[in-house]
Amino acid sequence: MPPDKQKLMINMSKKIKLMDNLKQKVPQLISNLFILFAVVLLPSNVYSKEIHSLDDIKNTARTLVLNQMQSSNEDIEVSVGQLDSRLRLHQCSIPLEALSQNYAIRQGLSTIGVRCNDHKPWSLYVPVSIKNFKMVATLKHAVIRNTVLTEKDISFNKMNINRLSSGYFDDISELKGKVLSQSLSKGMVLTKHHVKSAMAISRGQSVTIIAKNSTIEVRTKGMAMSKGAIGERIKVKNMKTERVVEGTIIDKHLISVNL
């Protein structure tokens, strides 16, 4: 056979083999393309709908806390703890329900129950951190013991009251005229343990006794038998009758006695 003809026969043979290979691969290629298009055309969240979003669980717990504390006059900051990323909870078909008690929520650290009540129920507890911020009274500068407090000594600063286990004041009228029972430094949060009422009457002081009931009021001179602050009860001597009675200090020089 001439070389040119032999070469032509070899080329034709290769083409026939190539066509046979293509015929064998076309069904597989078509199948692969079908699978690829099917995956592309599927909704992107087809798998995520089977597992409930952890963010939705956390938001449900956060919303409960904020709703239960919205009536307070404090600024509330709620932080929800991390949930185990390995959680695979069934996608709830109805809105989640959150459960807690008001008293528990006001603690700095708490847990909120979150549950699904559909045909495949589940529940879990979510850790939350709650900060309650409020304007509280602090000292503008260092103040020594026995100082009578005035507005010049007090400022109000926003603080997390969950950390103020000893208490605090949020009204300046509760502090004006009070006396420091100890020396305190600048910035200290004032509590009831730091202040006391100023002495309004001293022992042996001349006072006015106001004796009254629901129908009459009588005033007479008296003498204090001990010292005391406004609101305290002390013994007082009626200078007219020489009788010693007990009364309540209502102002400087004034003691109220019930008839």
C-alpha atoms as a PDB file:
ATOM      1  CA  MET A   1       0.000   0.000   0.000  1.00  0.00           C
ATOM      2  CA  PRO A   2       1.382   3.428  -0.857  1.00  0.00           C
ATOM      3  CA  PRO A   3       2.652   5.406   2.185  1.00  0.00           C
ATOM      4  CA  ASP A   4       0.152   8.238   1.650  1.00  0.00           C
ATOM      5  CA  LYS A   5      -2.782   5.872   1.610  1.00  0.00           C
ATOM      6  CA  GLN A   6      -1.474   4.022   4.669  1.00  0.00           C
ATOM      7  CA  LYS A   7      -1.175   7.283   6.566  1.00  0.00           C
ATOM      8  CA  LEU A   8      -4.725   8.212   5.597  1.00  0.00           C
ATOM      9  CA  MET A   9      -6.042   4.890   6.891  1.00  0.00           C
ATOM     10  CA  ILE A  10      -4.266   5.384  10.247  1.00  0.00           C
ATOM     11  CA  ASN A  11      -5.778   8.853  10.671  1.00  0.00           C
ATOM     12  CA  MET A  12      -9.258   7.576   9.894  1.00  0.00           C
ATOM     13  CA  SER A  13      -8.833   4.808  12.444  1.00  0.00           C
ATOM     14  CA  LYS A  14      -7.869   7.332  15.136  1.00  0.00           C
ATOM     15  CA  LYS A  15     -10.897   9.490  14.342  1.00  0.00           C
ATOM     16  CA  ILE A  16     -13.216   6.482  14.570  1.00  0.00           C
ATOM     17  CA  LYS A  17     -11.765   5.580  18.020  1.00  0.00           C
ATOM     18  CA  LEU A  18     -12.133   9.204  19.162  1.00  0.00           C
ATOM     19  CA  MET A  19     -15.777   9.252  18.102  1.00  0.00           C
ATOM     20  CA  ASP A  20     -16.391   5.970  19.914  1.00  0.00           C
ATOM     21  CA  ASN A  21     -14.856   7.414  23.101  1.00  0.00           C
ATOM     22  CA  LEU A  22     -16.977  10.527  22.825  1.00  0.00           C
ATOM     23  CA  LYS A  23     -20.119   8.452  22.366  1.00  0.00           C
ATOM     24  CA  GLN A  24     -19.273   6.566  25.558  1.00  0.00           C
ATOM     25  CA  LYS A  25     -18.573   9.765  27.559  1.00  0.00           C
ATOM     26  CA  VAL A  26     -21.499  11.856  26.332  1.00  0.00           C
ATOM     27  CA  PRO A  27     -24.091  10.186  28.617  1.00  0.00           C
ATOM     28  CA  GLN A  28     -21.804  10.670  31.627  1.00  0.00           C
ATOM     29  CA  LEU A  29     -21.149  14.283  30.671  1.00  0.00           C
ATOM     30  CA  ILE A  30     -24.872  14.938  30.294  1.00  0.00           C
ATOM     31  CA  SER A  31     -25.522  13.327  33.678  1.00  0.00           C
ATOM     32  CA  ASN A  32     -22.820  15.431  35.315  1.00  0.00           C
ATOM     33  CA  LEU A  33     -24.172  18.617  33.751  1.00  0.00           C
ATOM     34  CA  PHE A  34     -27.674  17.779  34.957  1.00  0.00           C
ATOM     35  CA  ILE A  35     -26.423  17.325  38.520  1.00  0.00           C
ATOM     36  CA  LEU A  36     -24.480  20.610  38.314  1.00  0.00           C
ATOM     37  CA  PHE A  37     -27.526  22.559  37.091  1.00  0.00           C
ATOM     38  CA  ALA A  38     -29.701  20.928  39.761  1.00  0.00           C
ATOM     39  CA  VAL A  39     -27.334  22.046  42.513  1.00  0.00           C
ATOM     40  CA  VAL A  40     -27.089  25.561  41.090  1.00  0.00           C
ATOM     41  CA  LEU A  41     -30.851  25.886  40.780  1.00  0.00           C
ATOM     42  CA  LEU A  42     -31.556  24.675  44.347  1.00  0.00           C
ATOM     43  CA  PRO A  43     -32.341  27.448  46.879  1.00  0.00           C
ATOM     44  CA  SER A  44     -29.196  28.513  48.720  1.00  0.00           C
ATOM     45  CA  ASN A  45     -30.842  27.874  52.104  1.00  0.00           C
ATOM     46  CA  VAL A  46     -32.186  24.385  51.371  1.00  0.00           C
ATOM     47  CA  TYR A  47     -29.908  22.867  53.960  1.00  0.00           C
ATOM     48  CA  SER A  48     -29.909  25.749  56.461  1.00  0.00           C
ATOM     49  CA  LYS A  49     -33.708  25.437  56.801  1.00  0.00           C
ATOM     50  CA  GLU A  50     -33.235  22.069  58.414  1.00  0.00           C
ATOM     51  CA  ILE A  51     -31.247  23.555  61.332  1.00  0.00           C
ATOM     52  CA  HIS A  52     -32.498  26.437  63.472  1.00  0.00           C
ATOM     53  CA  SER A  53     -30.384  29.584  63.398  1.00  0.00           C
ATOM     54  CA  LEU A  54     -28.342  30.125  66.572  1.00  0.00           C
ATOM     55  CA  ASP A  55     -28.654  33.881  66.032  1.00  0.00           C
ATOM     56  CA  ASP A  56     -32.446  33.593  66.163  1.00  0.00           C
ATOM     57  CA  ILE A  57     -32.208  31.700  69.457  1.00  0.00           C
ATOM     58  CA  LYS A  58     -29.932  34.391  70.925  1.00  0.00           C
ATOM     59  CA  ASN A  59     -32.157  37.218  69.664  1.00  0.00           C
ATOM     60  CA  THR A  60     -35.207  35.553  71.242  1.00  0.00           C
ATOM     61  CA  ALA A  61     -33.479  35.513  74.647  1.00  0.00           C
ATOM     62  CA  ARG A  62     -32.268  39.118  74.258  1.00  0.00           C
ATOM     63  CA  THR A  63     -35.733  40.370  73.286  1.00  0.00           C
ATOM     64  CA  LEU A  64     -37.328  38.833  76.391  1.00  0.00           C
ATOM     65  CA  VAL A  65     -34.876  40.605  78.694  1.00  0.00           C
ATOM     66  CA  LEU A  66     -35.348  43.976  76.994  1.00  0.00           C
ATOM     67  CA  ASN A  67     -39.151  43.665  77.017  1.00  0.00           C
ATOM     68  CA  GLN A  68     -39.311  42.776  80.699  1.00  0.00           C
ATOM     69  CA  MET A  69     -37.038  45.666  81.692  1.00  0.00           C
ATOM     70  CA  GLN A  70     -38.339  48.374  79.371  1.00  0.00           C
ATOM     71  CA  SER A  71     -40.388  49.989  82.157  1.00  0.00           C
ATOM     72  CA  SER A  72     -37.320  50.706  84.312  1.00  0.00           C
ATOM     73  CA  ASN A  73     -35.646  54.121  84.254  1.00  0.00           C
ATOM     74  CA  GLU A  74     -32.268  52.504  83.692  1.00  0.00           C
ATOM     75  CA  ASP A  75     -30.227  52.007  80.543  1.00  0.00           C
ATOM     76  CA  ILE A  76     -30.083  48.292  79.847  1.00  0.00           C
ATOM     77  CA  GLU A  77     -27.248  46.498  78.071  1.00  0.00           C
ATOM     78  CA  VAL A  78     -27.796  42.812  77.290  1.00  0.00           C
ATOM     79  CA  SER A  79     -25.041  40.474  76.114  1.00  0.00           C
ATOM     80  CA  VAL A  80     -25.932  36.923  75.107  1.00  0.00           C
ATOM     81  CA  GLY A  81     -23.284  34.257  75.634  1.00  0.00           C
ATOM     82  CA  GLN A  82     -21.946  32.100  72.833  1.00  0.00           C
ATOM     83  CA  LEU A  83     -23.845  28.932  71.965  1.00  0.00           C
ATOM     84  CA  ASP A  84     -22.113  25.695  70.970  1.00  0.00           C
ATOM     85  CA  SER A  85     -21.610  25.908  67.196  1.00  0.00           C
ATOM     86  CA  ARG A  86     -22.120  22.134  67.017  1.00  0.00           C
ATOM     87  CA  LEU A  87     -25.789  22.508  67.994  1.00  0.00           C
ATOM     88  CA  ARG A  88     -28.063  21.044  65.325  1.00  0.00           C
ATOM     89  CA  LEU A  89     -31.590  21.917  66.437  1.00  0.00           C
ATOM     90  CA  HIS A  90     -34.566  21.242  64.206  1.00  0.00           C
ATOM     91  CA  GLN A  91     -35.794  24.342  62.355  1.00  0.00           C
ATOM     92  CA  CYS A  92     -38.831  25.418  64.389  1.00  0.00           C
ATOM     93  CA  SER A  93     -41.915  25.990  62.235  1.00  0.00           C
ATOM     94  CA  ILE A  94     -43.419  28.480  64.715  1.00  0.00           C
ATOM     95  CA  PRO A  95     -41.914  31.450  66.597  1.00  0.00           C
ATOM     96  CA  LEU A  96     -39.650  30.491  69.497  1.00  0.00           C
ATOM     97  CA  GLU A  97     -40.758  31.061  73.090  1.00  0.00           C
ATOM     98  CA  ALA A  98     -38.494  32.517  75.801  1.00  0.00           C
ATOM     99  CA  LEU A  99     -39.070  31.966  79.524  1.00  0.00           C
ATOM    100  CA  SER A 100     -37.722  33.583  82.689  1.00  0.00           C
ATOM    101  CA  GLN A 101     -38.710  35.266  85.960  1.00  0.00           C
ATOM    102  CA  ASN A 102     -38.440  39.028  86.450  1.00  0.00           C
ATOM    103  CA  TYR A 103     -36.423  38.694  89.646  1.00  0.00           C
ATOM    104  CA  ALA A 104     -33.875  36.451  87.964  1.00  0.00           C
ATOM    105  CA  ILE A 105     -33.405  38.807  85.045  1.00  0.00           C
ATOM    106  CA  ARG A 106     -32.345  41.685  87.279  1.00  0.00           C
ATOM    107  CA  GLN A 107     -29.298  39.777  88.433  1.00  0.00           C
ATOM    108  CA  GLY A 108     -26.095  40.572  86.554  1.00  0.00           C
ATOM    109  CA  LEU A 109     -25.767  37.036  85.177  1.00  0.00           C
ATOM    110  CA  SER A 110     -28.755  34.878  84.349  1.00  0.00           C
ATOM    111  CA  THR A 111     -30.106  32.256  81.981  1.00  0.00           C
ATOM    112  CA  ILE A 112     -33.097  32.468  79.670  1.00  0.00           C
ATOM    113  CA  GLY A 113     -34.985  29.369  78.568  1.00  0.00           C
ATOM    114  CA  VAL A 114     -35.718  29.194  74.844  1.00  0.00           C
ATOM    115  CA  ARG A 115     -37.945  26.486  73.409  1.00  0.00           C
ATOM    116  CA  CYS A 116     -39.671  25.316  70.244  1.00  0.00           C
ATOM    117  CA  ASN A 117     -43.234  24.058  70.628  1.00  0.00           C
ATOM    118  CA  ASP A 118     -43.922  22.621  67.193  1.00  0.00           C
ATOM    119  CA  HIS A 119     -44.233  18.925  66.199  1.00  0.00           C
ATOM    120  CA  LYS A 120     -40.523  18.374  67.009  1.00  0.00           C
ATOM    121  CA  PRO A 121     -40.128  20.276  70.298  1.00  0.00           C
ATOM    122  CA  TRP A 122     -36.776  21.186  71.826  1.00  0.00           C
ATOM    123  CA  SER A 123     -35.515  23.558  74.504  1.00  0.00           C
ATOM    124  CA  LEU A 124     -32.246  24.941  75.861  1.00  0.00           C
ATOM    125  CA  TYR A 125     -30.942  27.594  78.268  1.00  0.00           C
ATOM    126  CA  VAL A 126     -29.105  30.625  76.980  1.00  0.00           C
ATOM    127  CA  PRO A 127     -26.621  32.520  79.229  1.00  0.00           C
ATOM    128  CA  VAL A 128     -27.125  36.289  79.354  1.00  0.00           C
ATOM    129  CA  SER A 129     -25.238  39.140  80.989  1.00  0.00           C
ATOM    130  CA  ILE A 130     -27.317  42.165  81.973  1.00  0.00           C
ATOM    131  CA  LYS A 131     -25.934  45.564  82.892  1.00  0.00           C
ATOM    132  CA  ASN A 132     -28.233  48.195  84.420  1.00  0.00           C
ATOM    133  CA  PHE A 133     -26.794  51.686  84.033  1.00  0.00           C
ATOM    134  CA  LYS A 134     -28.047  54.558  86.154  1.00  0.00           C
ATOM    135  CA  MET A 135     -26.911  58.032  87.253  1.00  0.00           C
ATOM    136  CA  VAL A 136     -25.637  57.679  90.843  1.00  0.00           C
ATOM    137  CA  ALA A 137     -24.189  60.133  93.342  1.00  0.00           C
ATOM    138  CA  THR A 138     -20.400  60.308  93.693  1.00  0.00           C
ATOM    139  CA  LEU A 139     -18.009  62.748  95.345  1.00  0.00           C
ATOM    140  CA  LYS A 140     -16.586  65.530  93.180  1.00  0.00           C
ATOM    141  CA  HIS A 141     -13.504  65.702  95.399  1.00  0.00           C
ATOM    142  CA  ALA A 142     -12.047  64.205  98.548  1.00  0.00           C
ATOM    143  CA  VAL A 143     -14.138  65.033 101.639  1.00  0.00           C
ATOM    144  CA  ILE A 144     -13.162  64.613 105.282  1.00  0.00           C
ATOM    145  CA  ARG A 145     -15.202  63.074 108.062  1.00  0.00           C
ATOM    146  CA  ASN A 146     -18.036  65.117 109.641  1.00  0.00           C
ATOM    147  CA  THR A 147     -18.378  67.372 106.597  1.00  0.00           C
ATOM    148  CA  VAL A 148     -21.958  68.475 105.901  1.00  0.00           C
ATOM    149  CA  LEU A 149     -22.623  67.632 102.256  1.00  0.00           C
ATOM    150  CA  THR A 150     -23.820  70.239  99.757  1.00  0.00           C
ATOM    151  CA  GLU A 151     -24.425  70.269  96.016  1.00  0.00           C
ATOM    152  CA  LYS A 152     -20.822  71.422  95.525  1.00  0.00           C
ATOM    153  CA  ASP A 153     -19.583  68.085  96.879  1.00  0.00           C
ATOM    154  CA  ILE A 154     -21.769  65.798  94.764  1.00  0.00           C
ATOM    155  CA  SER A 155     -21.834  64.836  91.089  1.00  0.00           C
ATOM    156  CA  PHE A 156     -23.806  62.177  89.234  1.00  0.00           C
ATOM    157  CA  ASN A 157     -22.172  59.571  87.025  1.00  0.00           C
ATOM    158  CA  LYS A 158     -23.550  56.745  84.916  1.00  0.00           C
ATOM    159  CA  MET A 159     -22.642  53.375  86.438  1.00  0.00           C
ATOM    160  CA  ASN A 160     -23.597  49.709  86.274  1.00  0.00           C
ATOM    161  CA  ILE A 161     -25.680  49.368  89.432  1.00  0.00           C
ATOM    162  CA  ASN A 162     -25.344  45.571  89.401  1.00  0.00           C
ATOM    163  CA  ARG A 163     -21.850  46.128  90.764  1.00  0.00           C
ATOM    164  CA  LEU A 164     -22.999  48.472  93.528  1.00  0.00           C
ATOM    165  CA  SER A 165     -23.838  45.810  96.090  1.00  0.00           C
ATOM    166  CA  SER A 166     -23.577  48.313  98.965  1.00  0.00           C
ATOM    167  CA  GLY A 167     -26.249  50.532  97.485  1.00  0.00           C
ATOM    168  CA  TYR A 168     -26.268  54.051  96.031  1.00  0.00           C
ATOM    169  CA  PHE A 169     -28.165  57.349  95.941  1.00  0.00           C
ATOM    170  CA  ASP A 170     -29.862  58.639  92.804  1.00  0.00           C
ATOM    171  CA  ASP A 171     -31.540  61.712  94.303  1.00  0.00           C
ATOM    172  CA  ILE A 172     -29.500  64.624  95.626  1.00  0.00           C
ATOM    173  CA  SER A 173     -32.238  65.600  98.077  1.00  0.00           C
ATOM    174  CA  GLU A 174     -31.431  62.427 100.033  1.00  0.00           C
ATOM    175  CA  LEU A 175     -27.872  63.670 100.600  1.00  0.00           C
ATOM    176  CA  LYS A 176     -28.086  67.428 101.104  1.00  0.00           C
ATOM    177  CA  GLY A 177     -27.434  68.262 104.739  1.00  0.00           C
ATOM    178  CA  LYS A 178     -26.150  64.761 105.532  1.00  0.00           C
ATOM    179  CA  VAL A 179     -22.835  64.377 107.341  1.00  0.00           C
ATOM    180  CA  LEU A 180     -20.027  62.086 106.211  1.00  0.00           C
ATOM    181  CA  SER A 181     -19.328  59.412 108.799  1.00  0.00           C
ATOM    182  CA  GLN A 182     -15.832  58.827 107.353  1.00  0.00           C
ATOM    183  CA  SER A 183     -13.313  60.521 105.089  1.00  0.00           C
ATOM    184  CA  LEU A 184     -13.754  59.569 101.430  1.00  0.00           C
ATOM    185  CA  SER A 185     -11.728  60.077  98.251  1.00  0.00           C
ATOM    186  CA  LYS A 186     -12.755  61.685  94.983  1.00  0.00           C
ATOM    187  CA  GLY A 187     -15.096  59.601  92.822  1.00  0.00           C
ATOM    188  CA  MET A 188     -16.436  57.405  95.630  1.00  0.00           C
ATOM    189  CA  VAL A 189     -20.004  56.200  95.199  1.00  0.00           C
ATOM    190  CA  LEU A 190     -21.975  57.399  98.213  1.00  0.00           C
ATOM    191  CA  THR A 191     -24.009  54.837 100.156  1.00  0.00           C
ATOM    192  CA  LYS A 192     -26.091  54.913 103.313  1.00  0.00           C
ATOM    193  CA  HIS A 193     -23.073  53.564 105.210  1.00  0.00           C
ATOM    194  CA  HIS A 194     -21.089  56.706 104.363  1.00  0.00           C
ATOM    195  CA  VAL A 195     -23.541  59.308 105.679  1.00  0.00           C
ATOM    196  CA  LYS A 196     -25.525  60.163 108.739  1.00  0.00           C
ATOM    197  CA  SER A 197     -28.010  62.861 109.639  1.00  0.00           C
ATOM    198  CA  ALA A 198     -26.607  66.077 111.061  1.00  0.00           C
ATOM    199  CA  MET A 199     -27.297  66.736 114.727  1.00  0.00           C
ATOM    200  CA  ALA A 200     -30.270  69.078 114.968  1.00  0.00           C
ATOM    201  CA  ILE A 201     -30.443  69.254 118.772  1.00  0.00           C
ATOM    202  CA  SER A 202     -27.802  68.896 121.444  1.00  0.00           C
ATOM    203  CA  ARG A 203     -28.197  67.777 125.042  1.00  0.00           C
ATOM    204  CA  GLY A 204     -29.376  70.530 127.430  1.00  0.00           C
ATOM    205  CA  GLN A 205     -30.576  72.705 124.571  1.00  0.00           C
ATOM    206  CA  SER A 206     -33.739  74.749 124.924  1.00  0.00           C
ATOM    207  CA  VAL A 207     -36.421  73.493 122.548  1.00  0.00           C
ATOM    208  CA  THR A 208     -40.057  73.960 121.722  1.00  0.00           C
ATOM    209  CA  ILE A 209     -42.328  71.001 122.437  1.00  0.00           C
ATOM    210  CA  ILE A 210     -45.285  70.622 120.100  1.00  0.00           C
ATOM    211  CA  ALA A 211     -47.891  68.408 121.748  1.00  0.00           C
ATOM    212  CA  LYS A 212     -50.777  67.549 119.447  1.00  0.00           C
ATOM    213  CA  ASN A 213     -53.454  65.126 118.428  1.00  0.00           C
ATOM    214  CA  SER A 214     -56.031  65.126 115.666  1.00  0.00           C
ATOM    215  CA  THR A 215     -57.934  68.099 117.122  1.00  0.00           C
ATOM    216  CA  ILE A 216     -55.568  70.331 119.139  1.00  0.00           C
ATOM    217  CA  GLU A 217     -51.956  71.524 119.185  1.00  0.00           C
ATOM    218  CA  VAL A 218     -50.162  72.951 122.230  1.00  0.00           C
ATOM    219  CA  ARG A 219     -46.675  74.501 122.302  1.00  0.00           C
ATOM    220  CA  THR A 220     -44.502  74.816 125.373  1.00  0.00           C
ATOM    221  CA  LYS A 221     -40.863  75.240 126.324  1.00  0.00           C
ATOM    222  CA  GLY A 222     -38.686  72.250 127.037  1.00  0.00           C
ATOM    223  CA  MET A 223     -35.129  71.040 127.407  1.00  0.00           C
ATOM    224  CA  ALA A 224     -33.523  68.229 125.398  1.00  0.00           C
ATOM    225  CA  MET A 225     -32.229  65.402 127.600  1.00  0.00           C
ATOM    226  CA  SER A 226     -29.953  64.045 124.800  1.00  0.00           C
ATOM    227  CA  LYS A 227     -28.729  64.970 121.343  1.00  0.00           C
ATOM    228  CA  GLY A 228     -30.318  63.835 118.115  1.00  0.00           C
ATOM    229  CA  ALA A 229     -30.838  64.324 114.384  1.00  0.00           C
ATOM    230  CA  ILE A 230     -34.044  65.118 112.530  1.00  0.00           C
ATOM    231  CA  GLY A 231     -36.304  62.080 112.562  1.00  0.00           C
ATOM    232  CA  GLU A 232     -34.788  60.587 115.709  1.00  0.00           C
ATOM    233  CA  ARG A 233     -36.671  60.175 118.973  1.00  0.00           C
ATOM    234  CA  ILE A 234     -35.189  61.669 122.142  1.00  0.00           C
ATOM    235  CA  LYS A 235     -36.347  62.435 125.677  1.00  0.00           C
ATOM    236  CA  VAL A 236     -37.333  66.008 126.422  1.00  0.00           C
ATOM    237  CA  LYS A 237     -38.286  67.741 129.707  1.00  0.00           C
ATOM    238  CA  ASN A 238     -41.385  69.936 129.830  1.00  0.00           C
ATOM    239  CA  MET A 239     -40.142  73.031 131.704  1.00  0.00           C
ATOM    240  CA  LYS A 240     -43.652  73.889 132.863  1.00  0.00           C
ATOM    241  CA  THR A 241     -44.693  70.540 134.307  1.00  0.00           C
ATOM    242  CA  GLU A 242     -41.165  69.136 134.930  1.00  0.00           C
ATOM    243  CA  ARG A 243     -42.396  65.957 133.209  1.00  0.00           C
ATOM    244  CA  VAL A 244     -39.991  64.020 130.928  1.00  0.00           C
ATOM    245  CA  VAL A 245     -41.540  62.672 127.729  1.00  0.00           C
ATOM    246  CA  GLU A 246     -40.289  61.208 124.475  1.00  0.00           C
ATOM    247  CA  GLY A 247     -40.725  62.966 121.162  1.00  0.00           C
ATOM    248  CA  THR A 248     -39.494  63.104 117.569  1.00  0.00           C
ATOM    249  CA  ILE A 249     -37.158  65.824 116.324  1.00  0.00           C
ATOM    250  CA  ILE A 250     -38.896  67.469 113.356  1.00  0.00           C
ATOM    251  CA  ASP A 251     -36.576  70.459 112.963  1.00  0.00           C
ATOM    252  CA  LYS A 252     -33.956  72.418 114.822  1.00  0.00           C
ATOM    253  CA  HIS A 253     -35.400  73.393 118.213  1.00  0.00           C
ATOM    254  CA  LEU A 254     -38.669  71.534 117.484  1.00  0.00           C
ATOM    255  CA  ILE A 255     -39.777  68.251 119.078  1.00  0.00           C
ATOM    256  CA  SER A 256     -43.160  66.685 118.355  1.00  0.00           C
ATOM    257  CA  VAL A 257     -44.954  64.780 121.100  1.00  0.00           C
ATOM    258  CA  ASN A 258     -48.221  62.918 120.681  1.00  0.00           C
ATOM    259  CA  LEU A 259     -50.922  63.684 123.238  1.00  0.00           C
END
